[in-house]
Amino acid sequence: MTRVKLCGITRQDDLEAAVEAGADAIGIVCDVTVDTPREVTAERAAELVAATPPLVTTVLVTMPSGPERAIELVEAVEPDAIQVHGGMRPGDLAYLRAKSNTNVFLAVDADDVATADLYDDIADALVVDSVDESGAGGTGETHDWTQTRAAISTLESPVLLAGGLTPENVAEAIRTVDPFAVDVSSGIEAEPGRKDHDALTRFVTSARHASKRTDSSVDDRRAIES
């Protein structure tokens, strides 16, 4: 079953809608080097994390200046995972993972997925995203899903598929790539920084239905092969 992460949560009512819709994880953007209405302060991020039910994974999405800053944010916000954008050397990512009491996700450019091999035995998960020149996600742009599926086929780490996903295309994305999870932000917004509750519900529902069909296809292939 493909998991669903709804990212860019800034408001309490959006958090509640995401939980009600059945999201497996929510993403909170904090301390990034780009101007975005989805960014909140560390204090606000901590409040949203504290308000999230225990069975929903909280992910702090950030572009830290280095591993020490990332560790500071983890200690201040206390998320279940930290998702790093903007690039970080393998040694620094390993240091972050060793020193922080949380899972570490790394975002990689969909146009350069080959770099994921360098981090495959370090990161707890890899986020394949359509990023801008600064390394930030949330661009609203899709990428070549067939190419992505081929590129991630040898990776051991769980892969979160991001980049231009919407309620209308997420099912096709799941059937094409078969990722561990899908990750959406701008594709479920009423306006930048504010979620469309109907859209996020439709996104989760579409992802769930696509996952069931994908799982059934895998079971059918296994039955035939046996």
C-alpha atoms as a PDB file:
ATOM      1  CA  MET A   1       0.000   0.000   0.000  1.00  0.00           C
ATOM      2  CA  THR A   2       1.491   3.332  -1.087  1.00  0.00           C
ATOM      3  CA  ARG A   3       1.709   5.792   1.792  1.00  0.00           C
ATOM      4  CA  VAL A   4       0.584   9.415   1.480  1.00  0.00           C
ATOM      5  CA  LYS A   5       2.390  12.501   2.775  1.00  0.00           C
ATOM      6  CA  LEU A   6       0.627  15.863   2.643  1.00  0.00           C
ATOM      7  CA  CYS A   7       3.221  18.615   2.822  1.00  0.00           C
ATOM      8  CA  GLY A   8       3.272  22.350   3.488  1.00  0.00           C
ATOM      9  CA  ILE A   9       0.874  22.283   6.451  1.00  0.00           C
ATOM     10  CA  THR A  10       0.764  25.703   8.120  1.00  0.00           C
ATOM     11  CA  ARG A  11      -2.664  25.827   9.776  1.00  0.00           C
ATOM     12  CA  GLN A  12      -4.413  23.825  12.473  1.00  0.00           C
ATOM     13  CA  ASP A  13      -7.551  23.283  10.386  1.00  0.00           C
ATOM     14  CA  ASP A  14      -5.453  22.012   7.473  1.00  0.00           C
ATOM     15  CA  LEU A  15      -3.714  19.593   9.818  1.00  0.00           C
ATOM     16  CA  GLU A  16      -7.037  18.317  11.095  1.00  0.00           C
ATOM     17  CA  ALA A  17      -8.340  17.905   7.528  1.00  0.00           C
ATOM     18  CA  ALA A  18      -5.207  15.961   6.535  1.00  0.00           C
ATOM     19  CA  VAL A  19      -5.598  13.611   9.499  1.00  0.00           C
ATOM     20  CA  GLU A  20      -9.315  13.174   8.831  1.00  0.00           C
ATOM     21  CA  ALA A  21      -8.586  12.349   5.179  1.00  0.00           C
ATOM     22  CA  GLY A  22      -6.274   9.545   6.281  1.00  0.00           C
ATOM     23  CA  ALA A  23      -2.819  10.945   5.553  1.00  0.00           C
ATOM     24  CA  ASP A  24       0.029   8.730   6.743  1.00  0.00           C
ATOM     25  CA  ALA A  25       2.357  11.711   7.179  1.00  0.00           C
ATOM     26  CA  ILE A  26       2.280  15.496   7.144  1.00  0.00           C
ATOM     27  CA  GLY A  27       5.104  17.819   6.177  1.00  0.00           C
ATOM     28  CA  ILE A  28       5.909  21.131   7.866  1.00  0.00           C
ATOM     29  CA  VAL A  29       8.283  23.553   6.134  1.00  0.00           C
ATOM     30  CA  CYS A  30      10.705  25.466   8.345  1.00  0.00           C
ATOM     31  CA  ASP A  31      14.024  27.283   7.923  1.00  0.00           C
ATOM     32  CA  VAL A  32      14.339  27.269   4.132  1.00  0.00           C
ATOM     33  CA  THR A  33      16.406  29.586   1.951  1.00  0.00           C
ATOM     34  CA  VAL A  34      13.607  30.366  -0.510  1.00  0.00           C
ATOM     35  CA  ASP A  35      10.628  32.671  -0.128  1.00  0.00           C
ATOM     36  CA  THR A  36       7.537  30.498   0.331  1.00  0.00           C
ATOM     37  CA  PRO A  37       4.155  30.996   2.016  1.00  0.00           C
ATOM     38  CA  ARG A  38       4.421  27.410   3.250  1.00  0.00           C
ATOM     39  CA  GLU A  39       7.225  28.205   5.698  1.00  0.00           C
ATOM     40  CA  VAL A  40       6.499  28.498   9.418  1.00  0.00           C
ATOM     41  CA  THR A  41       8.699  29.361  12.384  1.00  0.00           C
ATOM     42  CA  ALA A  42      10.303  26.653  14.478  1.00  0.00           C
ATOM     43  CA  GLU A  43       7.891  27.539  17.284  1.00  0.00           C
ATOM     44  CA  ARG A  44       4.880  27.115  15.022  1.00  0.00           C
ATOM     45  CA  ALA A  45       6.305  23.893  13.604  1.00  0.00           C
ATOM     46  CA  ALA A  46       6.642  22.518  17.143  1.00  0.00           C
ATOM     47  CA  GLU A  47       3.008  23.408  17.856  1.00  0.00           C
ATOM     48  CA  LEU A  48       1.809  21.590  14.734  1.00  0.00           C
ATOM     49  CA  VAL A  49       3.930  18.546  15.547  1.00  0.00           C
ATOM     50  CA  ALA A  50       2.534  18.451  19.078  1.00  0.00           C
ATOM     51  CA  ALA A  51      -1.025  18.658  17.716  1.00  0.00           C
ATOM     52  CA  THR A  52      -0.556  15.723  15.337  1.00  0.00           C
ATOM     53  CA  PRO A  53      -1.966  12.357  16.456  1.00  0.00           C
ATOM     54  CA  PRO A  54       0.693   9.752  17.332  1.00  0.00           C
ATOM     55  CA  LEU A  55      -0.029   7.419  14.414  1.00  0.00           C
ATOM     56  CA  VAL A  56       0.555  10.159  11.826  1.00  0.00           C
ATOM     57  CA  THR A  57       4.214  10.753  10.981  1.00  0.00           C
ATOM     58  CA  THR A  58       5.434  14.343  11.266  1.00  0.00           C
ATOM     59  CA  VAL A  59       8.158  15.422   8.831  1.00  0.00           C
ATOM     60  CA  LEU A  60      10.128  18.654   9.220  1.00  0.00           C
ATOM     61  CA  VAL A  61      11.016  19.877   5.715  1.00  0.00           C
ATOM     62  CA  THR A  62      14.020  22.187   5.719  1.00  0.00           C
ATOM     63  CA  MET A  63      17.071  23.547   3.880  1.00  0.00           C
ATOM     64  CA  PRO A  64      19.546  23.796   6.768  1.00  0.00           C
ATOM     65  CA  SER A  65      22.908  25.548   6.518  1.00  0.00           C
ATOM     66  CA  GLY A  66      24.566  22.366   7.773  1.00  0.00           C
ATOM     67  CA  PRO A  67      24.039  19.280   9.919  1.00  0.00           C
ATOM     68  CA  GLU A  68      24.445  21.239  13.172  1.00  0.00           C
ATOM     69  CA  ARG A  69      21.555  23.541  12.238  1.00  0.00           C
ATOM     70  CA  ALA A  70      19.448  20.533  11.267  1.00  0.00           C
ATOM     71  CA  ILE A  71      20.118  18.966  14.666  1.00  0.00           C
ATOM     72  CA  GLU A  72      19.081  22.218  16.379  1.00  0.00           C
ATOM     73  CA  LEU A  73      15.786  22.181  14.465  1.00  0.00           C
ATOM     74  CA  VAL A  74      15.105  18.553  15.356  1.00  0.00           C
ATOM     75  CA  GLU A  75      15.673  19.325  19.036  1.00  0.00           C
ATOM     76  CA  ALA A  76      13.393  22.384  18.880  1.00  0.00           C
ATOM     77  CA  VAL A  77      10.551  20.884  16.835  1.00  0.00           C
ATOM     78  CA  GLU A  78      10.771  17.164  17.772  1.00  0.00           C
ATOM     79  CA  PRO A  79       9.436  15.718  14.495  1.00  0.00           C
ATOM     80  CA  ASP A  80       9.377  12.028  13.634  1.00  0.00           C
ATOM     81  CA  ALA A  81      11.568  12.723  10.603  1.00  0.00           C
ATOM     82  CA  ILE A  82      13.550  15.522   9.007  1.00  0.00           C
ATOM     83  CA  GLN A  83      13.518  15.986   5.221  1.00  0.00           C
ATOM     84  CA  VAL A  84      16.569  17.804   3.886  1.00  0.00           C
ATOM     85  CA  HIS A  85      16.512  19.809   0.651  1.00  0.00           C
ATOM     86  CA  GLY A  86      19.246  21.823  -1.002  1.00  0.00           C
ATOM     87  CA  GLY A  87      21.938  19.179  -0.920  1.00  0.00           C
ATOM     88  CA  MET A  88      24.106  17.807   1.862  1.00  0.00           C
ATOM     89  CA  ARG A  89      27.334  15.852   1.596  1.00  0.00           C
ATOM     90  CA  PRO A  90      27.077  12.134   2.437  1.00  0.00           C
ATOM     91  CA  GLY A  91      29.332  12.540   5.468  1.00  0.00           C
ATOM     92  CA  ASP A  92      27.237  15.409   6.809  1.00  0.00           C
ATOM     93  CA  LEU A  93      24.023  13.449   6.285  1.00  0.00           C
ATOM     94  CA  ALA A  94      25.523  10.475   8.116  1.00  0.00           C
ATOM     95  CA  TYR A  95      26.526  12.787  10.968  1.00  0.00           C
ATOM     96  CA  LEU A  96      22.989  14.215  11.121  1.00  0.00           C
ATOM     97  CA  ARG A  97      21.491  10.746  11.237  1.00  0.00           C
ATOM     98  CA  ALA A  98      23.876   9.635  13.975  1.00  0.00           C
ATOM     99  CA  LYS A  99      23.350  12.690  16.175  1.00  0.00           C
ATOM    100  CA  SER A 100      19.608  13.265  15.796  1.00  0.00           C
ATOM    101  CA  ASN A 101      16.988  11.039  17.326  1.00  0.00           C
ATOM    102  CA  THR A 102      14.847  10.979  14.205  1.00  0.00           C
ATOM    103  CA  ASN A 103      14.608   9.518  10.721  1.00  0.00           C
ATOM    104  CA  VAL A 104      16.409  11.413   7.977  1.00  0.00           C
ATOM    105  CA  PHE A 105      14.959  11.866   4.476  1.00  0.00           C
ATOM    106  CA  LEU A 106      16.937  13.410   1.614  1.00  0.00           C
ATOM    107  CA  ALA A 107      15.397  15.115  -1.407  1.00  0.00           C
ATOM    108  CA  VAL A 108      17.091  14.363  -4.732  1.00  0.00           C
ATOM    109  CA  ASP A 109      16.529  16.019  -8.098  1.00  0.00           C
ATOM    110  CA  ALA A 110      14.371  13.926 -10.423  1.00  0.00           C
ATOM    111  CA  ASP A 111      16.696  14.940 -13.261  1.00  0.00           C
ATOM    112  CA  ASP A 112      19.705  13.546 -11.380  1.00  0.00           C
ATOM    113  CA  VAL A 113      18.376  10.504  -9.524  1.00  0.00           C
ATOM    114  CA  ALA A 114      21.706   8.749 -10.025  1.00  0.00           C
ATOM    115  CA  THR A 115      23.112  10.779  -7.118  1.00  0.00           C
ATOM    116  CA  ALA A 116      20.722   8.879  -4.843  1.00  0.00           C
ATOM    117  CA  ASP A 117      23.136   5.943  -4.967  1.00  0.00           C
ATOM    118  CA  LEU A 118      25.568   7.966  -2.839  1.00  0.00           C
ATOM    119  CA  TYR A 119      23.000   8.230  -0.051  1.00  0.00           C
ATOM    120  CA  ASP A 120      21.175   4.916  -0.370  1.00  0.00           C
ATOM    121  CA  ASP A 121      22.829   3.360   2.683  1.00  0.00           C
ATOM    122  CA  ILE A 122      22.695   6.600   4.702  1.00  0.00           C
ATOM    123  CA  ALA A 123      19.216   8.097   4.364  1.00  0.00           C
ATOM    124  CA  ASP A 124      16.144   6.471   5.872  1.00  0.00           C
ATOM    125  CA  ALA A 125      14.195   7.502   2.763  1.00  0.00           C
ATOM    126  CA  LEU A 126      14.799   9.382  -0.483  1.00  0.00           C
ATOM    127  CA  VAL A 127      12.387  11.963  -1.903  1.00  0.00           C
ATOM    128  CA  VAL A 128      12.502  12.207  -5.698  1.00  0.00           C
ATOM    129  CA  ASP A 129      11.242  15.684  -6.501  1.00  0.00           C
ATOM    130  CA  SER A 130      11.125  18.285  -9.237  1.00  0.00           C
ATOM    131  CA  VAL A 131      13.359  20.934  -7.687  1.00  0.00           C
ATOM    132  CA  ASP A 132      14.393  24.434  -8.689  1.00  0.00           C
ATOM    133  CA  GLU A 133      17.971  25.643  -9.042  1.00  0.00           C
ATOM    134  CA  SER A 134      18.229  26.175  -5.270  1.00  0.00           C
ATOM    135  CA  GLY A 135      17.248  22.582  -4.567  1.00  0.00           C
ATOM    136  CA  ALA A 136      13.834  23.507  -3.178  1.00  0.00           C
ATOM    137  CA  GLY A 137      10.765  21.423  -3.943  1.00  0.00           C
ATOM    138  CA  GLY A 138       7.141  22.540  -4.176  1.00  0.00           C
ATOM    139  CA  THR A 139       7.597  23.621  -7.795  1.00  0.00           C
ATOM    140  CA  GLY A 140       4.348  22.061  -8.968  1.00  0.00           C
ATOM    141  CA  GLU A 141       6.196  20.505 -11.914  1.00  0.00           C
ATOM    142  CA  THR A 142       6.002  16.831 -12.823  1.00  0.00           C
ATOM    143  CA  HIS A 143       8.903  14.793 -14.176  1.00  0.00           C
ATOM    144  CA  ASP A 144       9.325  11.689 -16.315  1.00  0.00           C
ATOM    145  CA  TRP A 145       7.812   8.971 -14.123  1.00  0.00           C
ATOM    146  CA  THR A 146       8.924   6.130 -16.381  1.00  0.00           C
ATOM    147  CA  GLN A 147      12.490   7.384 -16.180  1.00  0.00           C
ATOM    148  CA  THR A 148      12.158   7.753 -12.407  1.00  0.00           C
ATOM    149  CA  ARG A 149      10.925   4.181 -12.014  1.00  0.00           C
ATOM    150  CA  ALA A 150      13.941   2.873 -13.903  1.00  0.00           C
ATOM    151  CA  ALA A 151      16.319   5.086 -11.925  1.00  0.00           C
ATOM    152  CA  ILE A 152      15.071   3.966  -8.506  1.00  0.00           C
ATOM    153  CA  SER A 153      14.772   0.271  -9.322  1.00  0.00           C
ATOM    154  CA  THR A 154      18.112  -0.595  -7.692  1.00  0.00           C
ATOM    155  CA  LEU A 155      17.688   1.547  -4.571  1.00  0.00           C
ATOM    156  CA  GLU A 156      17.245  -0.116  -1.185  1.00  0.00           C
ATOM    157  CA  SER A 157      15.851   2.985   0.543  1.00  0.00           C
ATOM    158  CA  PRO A 158      12.110   3.714   0.500  1.00  0.00           C
ATOM    159  CA  VAL A 159      11.307   6.304  -2.185  1.00  0.00           C
ATOM    160  CA  LEU A 160       8.782   9.110  -1.830  1.00  0.00           C
ATOM    161  CA  LEU A 161       7.581  10.390  -5.197  1.00  0.00           C
ATOM    162  CA  ALA A 162       6.984  14.152  -5.351  1.00  0.00           C
ATOM    163  CA  GLY A 163       6.732  16.851  -7.972  1.00  0.00           C
ATOM    164  CA  GLY A 164       3.532  18.152  -9.560  1.00  0.00           C
ATOM    165  CA  LEU A 165       1.217  15.531  -8.075  1.00  0.00           C
ATOM    166  CA  THR A 166      -2.512  16.290  -7.936  1.00  0.00           C
ATOM    167  CA  PRO A 167      -5.723  14.382  -7.173  1.00  0.00           C
ATOM    168  CA  GLU A 168      -6.083  13.924 -10.933  1.00  0.00           C
ATOM    169  CA  ASN A 169      -2.674  12.389 -11.692  1.00  0.00           C
ATOM    170  CA  VAL A 170      -1.580  10.642  -8.487  1.00  0.00           C
ATOM    171  CA  ALA A 171      -3.147   7.314  -9.457  1.00  0.00           C
ATOM    172  CA  GLU A 172      -1.230   7.241 -12.735  1.00  0.00           C
ATOM    173  CA  ALA A 173       1.963   8.209 -10.907  1.00  0.00           C
ATOM    174  CA  ILE A 174       1.569   5.324  -8.449  1.00  0.00           C
ATOM    175  CA  ARG A 175       0.816   2.801 -11.193  1.00  0.00           C
ATOM    176  CA  THR A 176       3.839   3.972 -13.182  1.00  0.00           C
ATOM    177  CA  VAL A 177       6.463   4.323 -10.445  1.00  0.00           C
ATOM    178  CA  ASP A 178       5.133   2.110  -7.630  1.00  0.00           C
ATOM    179  CA  PRO A 179       6.814   4.255  -4.930  1.00  0.00           C
ATOM    180  CA  PHE A 180       6.816   3.637  -1.192  1.00  0.00           C
ATOM    181  CA  ALA A 181       4.916   6.923  -0.770  1.00  0.00           C
ATOM    182  CA  VAL A 182       3.627   9.940  -2.660  1.00  0.00           C
ATOM    183  CA  ASP A 183       4.282  13.474  -1.460  1.00  0.00           C
ATOM    184  CA  VAL A 184       2.134  16.476  -2.406  1.00  0.00           C
ATOM    185  CA  SER A 185       2.096  20.158  -1.503  1.00  0.00           C
ATOM    186  CA  SER A 186       0.997  22.722  -4.091  1.00  0.00           C
ATOM    187  CA  GLY A 187      -1.297  20.227  -5.816  1.00  0.00           C
ATOM    188  CA  ILE A 188      -3.791  20.308  -2.935  1.00  0.00           C
ATOM    189  CA  GLU A 189      -3.858  24.051  -2.238  1.00  0.00           C
ATOM    190  CA  ALA A 190      -6.712  26.532  -2.391  1.00  0.00           C
ATOM    191  CA  GLU A 191      -4.017  29.216  -2.425  1.00  0.00           C
ATOM    192  CA  PRO A 192      -0.295  29.144  -1.591  1.00  0.00           C
ATOM    193  CA  GLY A 193       0.091  28.074   2.032  1.00  0.00           C
ATOM    194  CA  ARG A 194      -3.550  27.132   2.498  1.00  0.00           C
ATOM    195  CA  LYS A 195      -4.946  23.690   1.723  1.00  0.00           C
ATOM    196  CA  ASP A 196      -8.061  22.822  -0.230  1.00  0.00           C
ATOM    197  CA  HIS A 197      -9.715  20.270   2.041  1.00  0.00           C
ATOM    198  CA  ASP A 198     -11.740  18.709  -0.758  1.00  0.00           C
ATOM    199  CA  ALA A 199      -8.619  18.358  -2.908  1.00  0.00           C
ATOM    200  CA  LEU A 200      -6.538  16.750  -0.175  1.00  0.00           C
ATOM    201  CA  THR A 201      -9.328  14.270   0.547  1.00  0.00           C
ATOM    202  CA  ARG A 202      -9.585  13.393  -3.141  1.00  0.00           C
ATOM    203  CA  PHE A 203      -5.810  13.014  -3.325  1.00  0.00           C
ATOM    204  CA  VAL A 204      -5.711  10.507  -0.474  1.00  0.00           C
ATOM    205  CA  THR A 205      -8.692   8.600  -1.880  1.00  0.00           C
ATOM    206  CA  SER A 206      -7.153   8.412  -5.375  1.00  0.00           C
ATOM    207  CA  ALA A 207      -3.843   7.234  -3.952  1.00  0.00           C
ATOM    208  CA  ARG A 208      -5.532   4.529  -1.878  1.00  0.00           C
ATOM    209  CA  HIS A 209      -7.552   3.204  -4.821  1.00  0.00           C
ATOM    210  CA  ALA A 210      -4.500   3.167  -7.087  1.00  0.00           C
ATOM    211  CA  SER A 211      -2.504   1.325  -4.415  1.00  0.00           C
ATOM    212  CA  LYS A 212      -5.166  -1.383  -4.128  1.00  0.00           C
ATOM    213  CA  ARG A 213      -5.123  -1.945  -7.896  1.00  0.00           C
ATOM    214  CA  THR A 214      -1.314  -2.030  -7.919  1.00  0.00           C
ATOM    215  CA  ASP A 215      -1.239  -4.538  -5.058  1.00  0.00           C
ATOM    216  CA  SER A 216      -3.790  -6.726  -6.860  1.00  0.00           C
ATOM    217  CA  SER A 217      -1.705  -6.702 -10.036  1.00  0.00           C
ATOM    218  CA  VAL A 218       1.378  -7.791  -8.114  1.00  0.00           C
ATOM    219  CA  ASP A 219      -0.570 -10.616  -6.449  1.00  0.00           C
ATOM    220  CA  ASP A 220      -1.905 -11.752  -9.843  1.00  0.00           C
ATOM    221  CA  ARG A 221       1.616 -11.827 -11.333  1.00  0.00           C
ATOM    222  CA  ARG A 222       2.932 -13.833  -8.377  1.00  0.00           C
ATOM    223  CA  ALA A 223       0.092 -16.341  -8.708  1.00  0.00           C
ATOM    224  CA  ILE A 224       0.835 -16.818 -12.383  1.00  0.00           C
ATOM    225  CA  GLU A 225       4.582 -17.174 -11.816  1.00  0.00           C
ATOM    226  CA  SER A 226       4.033 -19.761  -9.086  1.00  0.00           C
END
